[in-house]
Each structure stands twice: as C-alpha cells, then as structure tokens.
Amino acid sequence: ARHQFKDGSVYHWWHPITEIGLHNNMSDNLLWLPFVVANYLAETD
C-alpha cells in the first residue's frame, strides 16, 4: 500500500534500500492489493 501513487498506479517493482522502482500502469498490478486484502479479511476478520 505504501508503494502506490495518488493516481492509483504503483511501482511494478522496487528495490527496498534505495526505493528506486519501475512506475507503470500495468493493470494486473492494481488487482492484487484488493484481492489479497479480501482474502486476508475473509481469513482473519
């Protein structure tokens, strides 16, 4: 979630020490955060 931009795009990848990353608009990246959050909520409440 901390690797999202205000416009909804994300880093496709990033390096943890430098925070250098590839900012793009690949649509499948955007699907995974809500999908995993939904699975997390279903598992943990």
All heavy atoms as atom14 arrays in JSON, in Angstrom:
{
  "sequence": "ARHQFKDGSVYHWWHPITEIGLHNNMSDNLLWLPFVVANYLAETD",
  "atom14_mask": [
    [1, 1, 1, 1, 1, 0, 0, 0, 0, 0, 0, 0, 0, 0],
    [1, 1, 1, 1, 1, 1, 1, 1, 1, 1, 1, 0, 0, 0],
    [1, 1, 1, 1, 1, 1, 1, 1, 1, 1, 0, 0, 0, 0],
    [1, 1, 1, 1, 1, 1, 1, 1, 1, 0, 0, 0, 0, 0],
    [1, 1, 1, 1, 1, 1, 1, 1, 1, 1, 1, 0, 0, 0],
    [1, 1, 1, 1, 1, 1, 1, 1, 1, 0, 0, 0, 0, 0],
    [1, 1, 1, 1, 1, 1, 1, 1, 0, 0, 0, 0, 0, 0],
    [1, 1, 1, 1, 0, 0, 0, 0, 0, 0, 0, 0, 0, 0],
    [1, 1, 1, 1, 1, 1, 0, 0, 0, 0, 0, 0, 0, 0],
    [1, 1, 1, 1, 1, 1, 1, 0, 0, 0, 0, 0, 0, 0],
    [1, 1, 1, 1, 1, 1, 1, 1, 1, 1, 1, 1, 0, 0],
    [1, 1, 1, 1, 1, 1, 1, 1, 1, 1, 0, 0, 0, 0],
    [1, 1, 1, 1, 1, 1, 1, 1, 1, 1, 1, 1, 1, 1],
    [1, 1, 1, 1, 1, 1, 1, 1, 1, 1, 1, 1, 1, 1],
    [1, 1, 1, 1, 1, 1, 1, 1, 1, 1, 0, 0, 0, 0],
    [1, 1, 1, 1, 1, 1, 1, 0, 0, 0, 0, 0, 0, 0],
    [1, 1, 1, 1, 1, 1, 1, 1, 0, 0, 0, 0, 0, 0],
    [1, 1, 1, 1, 1, 1, 1, 0, 0, 0, 0, 0, 0, 0],
    [1, 1, 1, 1, 1, 1, 1, 1, 1, 0, 0, 0, 0, 0],
    [1, 1, 1, 1, 1, 1, 1, 1, 0, 0, 0, 0, 0, 0],
    [1, 1, 1, 1, 0, 0, 0, 0, 0, 0, 0, 0, 0, 0],
    [1, 1, 1, 1, 1, 1, 1, 1, 0, 0, 0, 0, 0, 0],
    [1, 1, 1, 1, 1, 1, 1, 1, 1, 1, 0, 0, 0, 0],
    [1, 1, 1, 1, 1, 1, 1, 1, 0, 0, 0, 0, 0, 0],
    [1, 1, 1, 1, 1, 1, 1, 1, 0, 0, 0, 0, 0, 0],
    [1, 1, 1, 1, 1, 1, 1, 1, 0, 0, 0, 0, 0, 0],
    [1, 1, 1, 1, 1, 1, 0, 0, 0, 0, 0, 0, 0, 0],
    [1, 1, 1, 1, 1, 1, 1, 1, 0, 0, 0, 0, 0, 0],
    [1, 1, 1, 1, 1, 1, 1, 1, 0, 0, 0, 0, 0, 0],
    [1, 1, 1, 1, 1, 1, 1, 1, 0, 0, 0, 0, 0, 0],
    [1, 1, 1, 1, 1, 1, 1, 1, 0, 0, 0, 0, 0, 0],
    [1, 1, 1, 1, 1, 1, 1, 1, 1, 1, 1, 1, 1, 1],
    [1, 1, 1, 1, 1, 1, 1, 1, 0, 0, 0, 0, 0, 0],
    [1, 1, 1, 1, 1, 1, 1, 0, 0, 0, 0, 0, 0, 0],
    [1, 1, 1, 1, 1, 1, 1, 1, 1, 1, 1, 0, 0, 0],
    [1, 1, 1, 1, 1, 1, 1, 0, 0, 0, 0, 0, 0, 0],
    [1, 1, 1, 1, 1, 1, 1, 0, 0, 0, 0, 0, 0, 0],
    [1, 1, 1, 1, 1, 0, 0, 0, 0, 0, 0, 0, 0, 0],
    [1, 1, 1, 1, 1, 1, 1, 1, 0, 0, 0, 0, 0, 0],
    [1, 1, 1, 1, 1, 1, 1, 1, 1, 1, 1, 1, 0, 0],
    [1, 1, 1, 1, 1, 1, 1, 1, 0, 0, 0, 0, 0, 0],
    [1, 1, 1, 1, 1, 0, 0, 0, 0, 0, 0, 0, 0, 0],
    [1, 1, 1, 1, 1, 1, 1, 1, 1, 0, 0, 0, 0, 0],
    [1, 1, 1, 1, 1, 1, 1, 0, 0, 0, 0, 0, 0, 0],
    [1, 1, 1, 1, 1, 1, 1, 1, 0, 0, 0, 0, 0, 0]
  ],
  "atom14_positions": [
    [[0.83, -1.2, 0.0], [0.0, 0.0, 0.0], [0.87, 1.26, 0.0], [0.51, 2.27, -0.6], [-0.94, 0.0, 1.21], [0.0, 0.0, 0.0], [0.0, 0.0, 0.0], [0.0, 0.0, 0.0], [0.0, 0.0, 0.0], [0.0, 0.0, 0.0], [0.0, 0.0, 0.0], [0.0, 0.0, 0.0], [0.0, 0.0, 0.0], [0.0, 0.0, 0.0]],
    [[2.04, 1.19, 0.65], [2.96, 2.34, 0.67], [3.66, 2.54, -0.67], [4.37, 3.54, -0.83], [4.02, 2.14, 1.76], [3.5, 2.35, 3.15], [4.62, 2.44, 4.18], [5.47, 1.26, 4.21], [5.28, 0.19, 4.98], [4.25, 0.14, 5.77], [6.12, -0.81, 4.95], [0.0, 0.0, 0.0], [0.0, 0.0, 0.0], [0.0, 0.0, 0.0]],
    [[3.49, 1.64, -1.6], [4.13, 1.77, -2.91], [3.12, 2.07, -4.01], [3.26, 1.65, -5.15], [4.98, 0.54, -3.21], [6.21, 0.52, -2.37], [6.23, 0.01, -1.09], [7.45, 1.03, -2.6], [7.44, 0.18, -0.57], [8.2, 0.8, -1.46], [0.0, 0.0, 0.0], [0.0, 0.0, 0.0], [0.0, 0.0, 0.0], [0.0, 0.0, 0.0]],
    [[2.08, 2.82, -3.64], [1.08, 3.31, -4.57], [1.25, 4.82, -4.73], [1.7, 5.5, -3.8], [-0.33, 3.09, -4.04], [-0.75, 1.67, -3.91], [-2.18, 1.61, -3.44], [-3.08, 1.53, -4.24], [-2.37, 1.66, -2.13], [0.0, 0.0, 0.0], [0.0, 0.0, 0.0], [0.0, 0.0, 0.0], [0.0, 0.0, 0.0], [0.0, 0.0, 0.0]],
    [[0.83, 5.31, -5.88], [0.8, 6.74, -6.14], [-0.63, 7.25, -6.0], [-1.58, 6.47, -6.05], [1.34, 7.03, -7.54], [2.8, 6.72, -7.69], [3.22, 5.44, -8.03], [3.76, 7.69, -7.45], [4.58, 5.14, -8.15], [5.11, 7.41, -7.57], [5.52, 6.13, -7.92], [0.0, 0.0, 0.0], [0.0, 0.0, 0.0], [0.0, 0.0, 0.0]],
    [[-0.79, 8.55, -5.84], [-2.12, 9.15, -5.67], [-3.07, 8.83, -6.8], [-4.28, 8.73, -6.59], [-2.0, 10.68, -5.53], [-1.42, 11.14, -4.22], [-1.38, 12.65, -4.2], [-0.67, 13.16, -2.99], [-0.58, 14.62, -2.97], [0.0, 0.0, 0.0], [0.0, 0.0, 0.0], [0.0, 0.0, 0.0], [0.0, 0.0, 0.0], [0.0, 0.0, 0.0]],
    [[-2.55, 8.68, -8.01], [-3.42, 8.4, -9.15], [-3.84, 6.93, -9.24], [-4.54, 6.53, -10.17], [-2.76, 8.84, -10.46], [-1.52, 8.02, -10.83], [-1.17, 7.07, -10.1], [-0.9, 8.34, -11.86], [0.0, 0.0, 0.0], [0.0, 0.0, 0.0], [0.0, 0.0, 0.0], [0.0, 0.0, 0.0], [0.0, 0.0, 0.0], [0.0, 0.0, 0.0]],
    [[-3.43, 6.12, -8.28], [-3.81, 4.71, -8.25], [-2.79, 3.78, -8.86], [-2.89, 2.57, -8.72], [0.0, 0.0, 0.0], [0.0, 0.0, 0.0], [0.0, 0.0, 0.0], [0.0, 0.0, 0.0], [0.0, 0.0, 0.0], [0.0, 0.0, 0.0], [0.0, 0.0, 0.0], [0.0, 0.0, 0.0], [0.0, 0.0, 0.0], [0.0, 0.0, 0.0]],
    [[-1.79, 4.32, -9.55], [-0.75, 3.48, -10.13], [0.23, 3.05, -9.03], [0.18, 3.56, -7.91], [-0.02, 4.21, -11.25], [0.63, 5.37, -10.75], [0.0, 0.0, 0.0], [0.0, 0.0, 0.0], [0.0, 0.0, 0.0], [0.0, 0.0, 0.0], [0.0, 0.0, 0.0], [0.0, 0.0, 0.0], [0.0, 0.0, 0.0], [0.0, 0.0, 0.0]],
    [[1.07, 2.09, -9.35], [2.01, 1.54, -8.37], [3.37, 1.33, -9.02], [3.51, 1.4, -10.23], [1.5, 0.19, -7.81], [0.14, 0.36, -7.14], [1.43, -0.88, -8.88], [0.0, 0.0, 0.0], [0.0, 0.0, 0.0], [0.0, 0.0, 0.0], [0.0, 0.0, 0.0], [0.0, 0.0, 0.0], [0.0, 0.0, 0.0], [0.0, 0.0, 0.0]],
    [[4.35, 1.08, -8.19], [5.62, 0.58, -8.7], [5.4, -0.89, -9.1], [4.91, -1.69, -8.3], [6.71, 0.61, -7.63], [7.48, 1.9, -7.53], [8.02, 2.29, -6.31], [7.7, 2.71, -8.62], [8.75, 3.46, -6.19], [8.43, 3.87, -8.51], [8.94, 4.24, -7.3], [9.66, 5.4, -7.18], [0.0, 0.0, 0.0], [0.0, 0.0, 0.0]],
    [[5.79, -1.24, -10.3], [5.73, -2.64, -10.73], [6.72, -3.45, -9.91], [6.46, -4.58, -9.52], [6.03, -2.73, -12.23], [5.96, -4.1, -12.79], [4.8, -4.83, -12.8], [6.9, -4.88, -13.36], [5.03, -6.01, -13.35], [6.3, -6.06, -13.7], [0.0, 0.0, 0.0], [0.0, 0.0, 0.0], [0.0, 0.0, 0.0], [0.0, 0.0, 0.0]],
    [[7.85, -2.87, -9.64], [8.87, -3.43, -8.74], [9.64, -2.28, -8.14], [9.64, -1.18, -8.67], [9.81, -4.41, -9.46], [10.5, -3.85, -10.67], [10.15, -4.06, -11.97], [11.64, -2.97, -10.71], [10.99, -3.37, -12.81], [11.92, -2.7, -12.06], [12.45, -2.39, -9.74], [12.96, -1.87, -12.47], [13.49, -1.56, -10.14], [13.74, -1.33, -11.49]],
    [[10.29, -2.53, -7.01], [11.15, -1.52, -6.37], [12.2, -2.23, -5.53], [12.04, -3.35, -5.1], [10.33, -0.57, -5.5], [9.8, -1.16, -4.24], [10.41, -1.16, -3.01], [8.58, -1.87, -4.06], [9.65, -1.82, -2.1], [8.51, -2.27, -2.71], [7.53, -2.2, -4.91], [7.44, -2.97, -2.2], [6.46, -2.91, -4.38], [6.43, -3.28, -3.05]],
    [[13.32, -1.51, -5.35], [14.4, -2.02, -4.51], [14.22, -1.45, -3.1], [14.04, -0.23, -2.94], [15.76, -1.65, -5.08], [16.1, -2.42, -6.3], [16.59, -3.7, -6.25], [15.96, -2.12, -7.61], [16.77, -4.15, -7.47], [16.39, -3.22, -8.32], [0.0, 0.0, 0.0], [0.0, 0.0, 0.0], [0.0, 0.0, 0.0], [0.0, 0.0, 0.0]],
    [[14.26, -2.28, -2.08], [13.91, -1.84, -0.74], [14.85, -0.82, -0.1], [14.41, 0.0, 0.68], [13.9, -3.13, 0.08], [14.71, -4.1, -0.7], [14.58, -3.7, -2.14], [0.0, 0.0, 0.0], [0.0, 0.0, 0.0], [0.0, 0.0, 0.0], [0.0, 0.0, 0.0], [0.0, 0.0, 0.0], [0.0, 0.0, 0.0], [0.0, 0.0, 0.0]],
    [[16.11, -0.82, -0.42], [17.03, 0.13, 0.23], [16.96, 1.5, -0.44], [16.85, 2.52, 0.22], [18.46, -0.43, 0.23], [18.51, -1.69, 1.1], [19.45, 0.62, 0.73], [19.83, -2.42, 1.06], [0.0, 0.0, 0.0], [0.0, 0.0, 0.0], [0.0, 0.0, 0.0], [0.0, 0.0, 0.0], [0.0, 0.0, 0.0], [0.0, 0.0, 0.0]],
    [[16.99, 1.52, -1.76], [17.01, 2.78, -2.48], [15.63, 3.31, -2.8], [15.49, 4.49, -3.1], [17.76, 2.63, -3.81], [17.06, 1.68, -4.63], [19.2, 2.16, -3.58], [0.0, 0.0, 0.0], [0.0, 0.0, 0.0], [0.0, 0.0, 0.0], [0.0, 0.0, 0.0], [0.0, 0.0, 0.0], [0.0, 0.0, 0.0], [0.0, 0.0, 0.0]],
    [[14.62, 2.45, -2.76], [13.25, 2.78, -3.17], [13.18, 3.18, -4.65], [12.22, 3.8, -5.08], [12.65, 3.88, -2.29], [12.37, 3.42, -0.89], [11.3, 2.32, -0.79], [10.31, 2.37, -1.52], [11.49, 1.41, 0.03], [0.0, 0.0, 0.0], [0.0, 0.0, 0.0], [0.0, 0.0, 0.0], [0.0, 0.0, 0.0], [0.0, 0.0, 0.0]],
    [[14.19, 2.83, -5.42], [14.13, 3.03, -6.86], [13.23, 1.93, -7.43], [13.36, 0.77, -7.07], [15.54, 2.95, -7.49], [16.39, 4.1, -7.01], [15.45, 2.92, -9.01], [17.85, 4.0, -7.4], [0.0, 0.0, 0.0], [0.0, 0.0, 0.0], [0.0, 0.0, 0.0], [0.0, 0.0, 0.0], [0.0, 0.0, 0.0], [0.0, 0.0, 0.0]],
    [[12.3, 2.33, -8.31], [11.39, 1.35, -8.85], [10.91, 1.71, -10.24], [11.22, 2.78, -10.77], [0.0, 0.0, 0.0], [0.0, 0.0, 0.0], [0.0, 0.0, 0.0], [0.0, 0.0, 0.0], [0.0, 0.0, 0.0], [0.0, 0.0, 0.0], [0.0, 0.0, 0.0], [0.0, 0.0, 0.0], [0.0, 0.0, 0.0], [0.0, 0.0, 0.0]],
    [[10.14, 0.8, -10.81], [9.56, 1.0, -12.13], [8.11, 1.4, -11.96], [7.28, 0.59, -11.52], [9.67, -0.28, -12.96], [8.98, -0.25, -14.32], [9.62, 0.8, -15.23], [9.02, -1.62, -14.97], [0.0, 0.0, 0.0], [0.0, 0.0, 0.0], [0.0, 0.0, 0.0], [0.0, 0.0, 0.0], [0.0, 0.0, 0.0], [0.0, 0.0, 0.0]],
    [[7.8, 2.63, -12.29], [6.44, 3.16, -12.18], [5.76, 2.97, -13.53], [6.2, 3.52, -14.53], [6.51, 4.64, -11.81], [5.18, 5.28, -11.6], [5.03, 6.64, -11.54], [3.95, 4.76, -11.42], [3.77, 6.93, -11.33], [3.09, 5.79, -11.26], [0.0, 0.0, 0.0], [0.0, 0.0, 0.0], [0.0, 0.0, 0.0], [0.0, 0.0, 0.0]],
    [[4.7, 2.18, -13.55], [3.99, 1.97, -14.8], [2.51, 1.78, -14.52], [2.06, 1.87, -13.39], [4.57, 0.79, -15.59], [4.4, -0.53, -14.88], [3.54, -0.68, -14.02], [5.22, -1.49, -15.22], [0.0, 0.0, 0.0], [0.0, 0.0, 0.0], [0.0, 0.0, 0.0], [0.0, 0.0, 0.0], [0.0, 0.0, 0.0], [0.0, 0.0, 0.0]],
    [[1.75, 1.51, -15.55], [0.3, 1.36, -15.41], [-0.17, -0.04, -15.8], [-1.22, -0.19, -16.4], [-0.42, 2.42, -16.25], [-0.21, 3.81, -15.71], [-0.39, 4.04, -14.52], [0.19, 4.73, -16.55], [0.0, 0.0, 0.0], [0.0, 0.0, 0.0], [0.0, 0.0, 0.0], [0.0, 0.0, 0.0], [0.0, 0.0, 0.0], [0.0, 0.0, 0.0]],
    [[0.59, -1.06, -15.45], [0.18, -2.42, -15.75], [-1.06, -2.74, -14.91], [-1.02, -2.69, -13.68], [1.3, -3.41, -15.47], [2.5, -3.2, -16.37], [3.83, -4.33, -16.0], [3.35, -5.7, -17.03], [0.0, 0.0, 0.0], [0.0, 0.0, 0.0], [0.0, 0.0, 0.0], [0.0, 0.0, 0.0], [0.0, 0.0, 0.0], [0.0, 0.0, 0.0]],
    [[-2.16, -3.06, -15.58], [-3.44, -3.2, -14.88], [-3.47, -4.38, -13.91], [-4.16, -4.32, -12.89], [-4.58, -3.33, -15.88], [-4.39, -4.48, -16.69], [0.0, 0.0, 0.0], [0.0, 0.0, 0.0], [0.0, 0.0, 0.0], [0.0, 0.0, 0.0], [0.0, 0.0, 0.0], [0.0, 0.0, 0.0], [0.0, 0.0, 0.0], [0.0, 0.0, 0.0]],
    [[-2.75, -5.45, -14.18], [-2.83, -6.59, -13.26], [-2.19, -6.28, -11.91], [-2.57, -6.87, -10.9], [-2.25, -7.86, -13.88], [-0.79, -7.75, -14.23], [-0.33, -6.66, -14.6], [-0.09, -8.78, -14.14], [0.0, 0.0, 0.0], [0.0, 0.0, 0.0], [0.0, 0.0, 0.0], [0.0, 0.0, 0.0], [0.0, 0.0, 0.0], [0.0, 0.0, 0.0]],
    [[-1.25, -5.36, -11.85], [-0.7, -4.95, -10.55], [-1.8, -4.42, -9.65], [-1.84, -4.68, -8.46], [0.34, -3.85, -10.72], [1.67, -4.36, -11.2], [2.03, -5.49, -10.99], [2.41, -3.5, -11.87], [0.0, 0.0, 0.0], [0.0, 0.0, 0.0], [0.0, 0.0, 0.0], [0.0, 0.0, 0.0], [0.0, 0.0, 0.0], [0.0, 0.0, 0.0]],
    [[-2.71, -3.65, -10.23], [-3.74, -2.97, -9.45], [-4.78, -3.93, -8.87], [-5.46, -3.6, -7.91], [-4.44, -1.93, -10.33], [-3.51, -0.93, -11.03], [-4.3, 0.05, -11.86], [-2.62, -0.22, -10.04], [0.0, 0.0, 0.0], [0.0, 0.0, 0.0], [0.0, 0.0, 0.0], [0.0, 0.0, 0.0], [0.0, 0.0, 0.0], [0.0, 0.0, 0.0]],
    [[-4.89, -5.1, -9.43], [-5.89, -6.06, -8.96], [-5.46, -6.8, -7.71], [-6.31, -7.26, -6.94], [-6.18, -7.09, -10.06], [-6.69, -6.53, -11.38], [-6.76, -7.62, -12.43], [-8.03, -5.87, -11.19], [0.0, 0.0, 0.0], [0.0, 0.0, 0.0], [0.0, 0.0, 0.0], [0.0, 0.0, 0.0], [0.0, 0.0, 0.0], [0.0, 0.0, 0.0]],
    [[-4.18, -6.94, -7.5], [-3.7, -7.83, -6.44], [-3.88, -7.28, -5.04], [-4.15, -8.03, -4.11], [-2.25, -8.24, -6.7], [-2.25, -9.31, -7.72], [-1.98, -9.17, -9.06], [-2.62, -10.67, -7.54], [-2.15, -10.37, -9.69], [-2.55, -11.31, -8.79], [-3.02, -11.41, -6.44], [-2.84, -12.65, -8.96], [-3.32, -12.76, -6.6], [-3.22, -13.36, -7.86]],
    [[-3.75, -5.99, -4.84], [-3.92, -5.45, -3.48], [-5.34, -5.69, -2.97], [-5.52, -6.25, -1.88], [-3.52, -3.98, -3.42], [-3.46, -3.38, -2.02], [-2.5, -4.13, -1.11], [-3.06, -1.91, -2.11], [0.0, 0.0, 0.0], [0.0, 0.0, 0.0], [0.0, 0.0, 0.0], [0.0, 0.0, 0.0], [0.0, 0.0, 0.0], [0.0, 0.0, 0.0]],
    [[-6.39, -5.31, -3.71], [-7.74, -5.59, -3.19], [-8.03, -7.09, -3.07], [-8.73, -7.51, -2.15], [-8.68, -4.9, -4.17], [-7.87, -4.53, -5.34], [-6.44, -4.51, -4.92], [0.0, 0.0, 0.0], [0.0, 0.0, 0.0], [0.0, 0.0, 0.0], [0.0, 0.0, 0.0], [0.0, 0.0, 0.0], [0.0, 0.0, 0.0], [0.0, 0.0, 0.0]],
    [[-7.49, -7.88, -3.97], [-7.7, -9.33, -3.91], [-7.1, -9.92, -2.64], [-7.76, -10.7, -1.93], [-7.09, -9.99, -5.15], [-7.26, -11.48, -5.19], [-8.46, -12.04, -5.58], [-6.22, -12.32, -4.82], [-8.62, -13.42, -5.61], [-6.37, -13.69, -4.85], [-7.58, -14.25, -5.25], [0.0, 0.0, 0.0], [0.0, 0.0, 0.0], [0.0, 0.0, 0.0]],
    [[-5.87, -9.56, -2.33], [-5.22, -10.1, -1.14], [-5.86, -9.54, 0.13], [-6.02, -10.26, 1.11], [-3.69, -9.86, -1.18], [-3.02, -10.3, 0.12], [-3.08, -10.6, -2.36], [0.0, 0.0, 0.0], [0.0, 0.0, 0.0], [0.0, 0.0, 0.0], [0.0, 0.0, 0.0], [0.0, 0.0, 0.0], [0.0, 0.0, 0.0], [0.0, 0.0, 0.0]],
    [[-6.25, -8.27, 0.11], [-6.95, -7.7, 1.27], [-8.25, -8.47, 1.52], [-8.55, -8.82, 2.66], [-7.23, -6.19, 1.07], [-8.2, -5.67, 2.11], [-5.93, -5.4, 1.13], [0.0, 0.0, 0.0], [0.0, 0.0, 0.0], [0.0, 0.0, 0.0], [0.0, 0.0, 0.0], [0.0, 0.0, 0.0], [0.0, 0.0, 0.0], [0.0, 0.0, 0.0]],
    [[-9.01, -8.75, 0.47], [-10.26, -9.51, 0.63], [-9.99, -10.9, 1.2], [-10.71, -11.35, 2.11], [-10.99, -9.61, -0.71], [0.0, 0.0, 0.0], [0.0, 0.0, 0.0], [0.0, 0.0, 0.0], [0.0, 0.0, 0.0], [0.0, 0.0, 0.0], [0.0, 0.0, 0.0], [0.0, 0.0, 0.0], [0.0, 0.0, 0.0], [0.0, 0.0, 0.0]],
    [[-8.96, -11.56, 0.72], [-8.61, -12.88, 1.26], [-8.15, -12.8, 2.71], [-8.5, -13.65, 3.53], [-7.54, -13.55, 0.41], [-8.09, -14.02, -0.91], [-9.29, -14.19, -1.08], [-7.21, -14.24, -1.86], [0.0, 0.0, 0.0], [0.0, 0.0, 0.0], [0.0, 0.0, 0.0], [0.0, 0.0, 0.0], [0.0, 0.0, 0.0], [0.0, 0.0, 0.0]],
    [[-7.38, -11.76, 3.01], [-6.92, -11.56, 4.39], [-8.12, -11.34, 5.32], [-8.2, -11.93, 6.41], [-5.97, -10.36, 4.44], [-5.58, -9.97, 5.84], [-4.58, -10.66, 6.52], [-6.2, -8.92, 6.49], [-4.21, -10.32, 7.82], [-5.85, -8.56, 7.78], [-4.85, -9.26, 8.44], [-4.51, -8.93, 9.72], [0.0, 0.0, 0.0], [0.0, 0.0, 0.0]],
    [[-9.05, -10.49, 4.91], [-10.22, -10.22, 5.74], [-11.08, -11.47, 5.93], [-11.6, -11.71, 7.02], [-11.06, -9.09, 5.14], [-10.4, -7.71, 5.14], [-11.25, -6.72, 4.37], [-10.13, -7.23, 6.55], [0.0, 0.0, 0.0], [0.0, 0.0, 0.0], [0.0, 0.0, 0.0], [0.0, 0.0, 0.0], [0.0, 0.0, 0.0], [0.0, 0.0, 0.0]],
    [[-11.23, -12.25, 4.88], [-12.0, -13.49, 4.98], [-11.35, -14.48, 5.96], [-12.05, -15.2, 6.68], [-12.15, -14.13, 3.61], [0.0, 0.0, 0.0], [0.0, 0.0, 0.0], [0.0, 0.0, 0.0], [0.0, 0.0, 0.0], [0.0, 0.0, 0.0], [0.0, 0.0, 0.0], [0.0, 0.0, 0.0], [0.0, 0.0, 0.0], [0.0, 0.0, 0.0]],
    [[-10.03, -14.48, 5.99], [-9.31, -15.41, 6.86], [-9.25, -14.94, 8.31], [-9.3, -15.74, 9.23], [-7.89, -15.6, 6.33], [-7.03, -16.58, 7.09], [-7.37, -18.04, 6.82], [-7.93, -18.35, 5.75], [-7.08, -18.86, 7.7], [0.0, 0.0, 0.0], [0.0, 0.0, 0.0], [0.0, 0.0, 0.0], [0.0, 0.0, 0.0], [0.0, 0.0, 0.0]],
    [[-9.15, -13.61, 8.51], [-8.86, -13.1, 9.85], [-9.97, -12.27, 10.5], [-9.94, -12.09, 11.72], [-7.6, -12.2, 9.81], [-7.9, -11.03, 9.04], [-6.41, -12.95, 9.25], [0.0, 0.0, 0.0], [0.0, 0.0, 0.0], [0.0, 0.0, 0.0], [0.0, 0.0, 0.0], [0.0, 0.0, 0.0], [0.0, 0.0, 0.0], [0.0, 0.0, 0.0]],
    [[-10.87, -11.71, 9.72], [-11.87, -10.75, 10.23], [-11.22, -9.52, 10.86], [-11.83, -8.83, 11.67], [-12.81, -11.41, 11.26], [-13.77, -12.39, 10.63], [-14.18, -12.16, 9.47], [-14.11, -13.39, 11.29], [0.0, 0.0, 0.0], [0.0, 0.0, 0.0], [0.0, 0.0, 0.0], [0.0, 0.0, 0.0], [0.0, 0.0, 0.0], [0.0, 0.0, 0.0]]
  ]
}
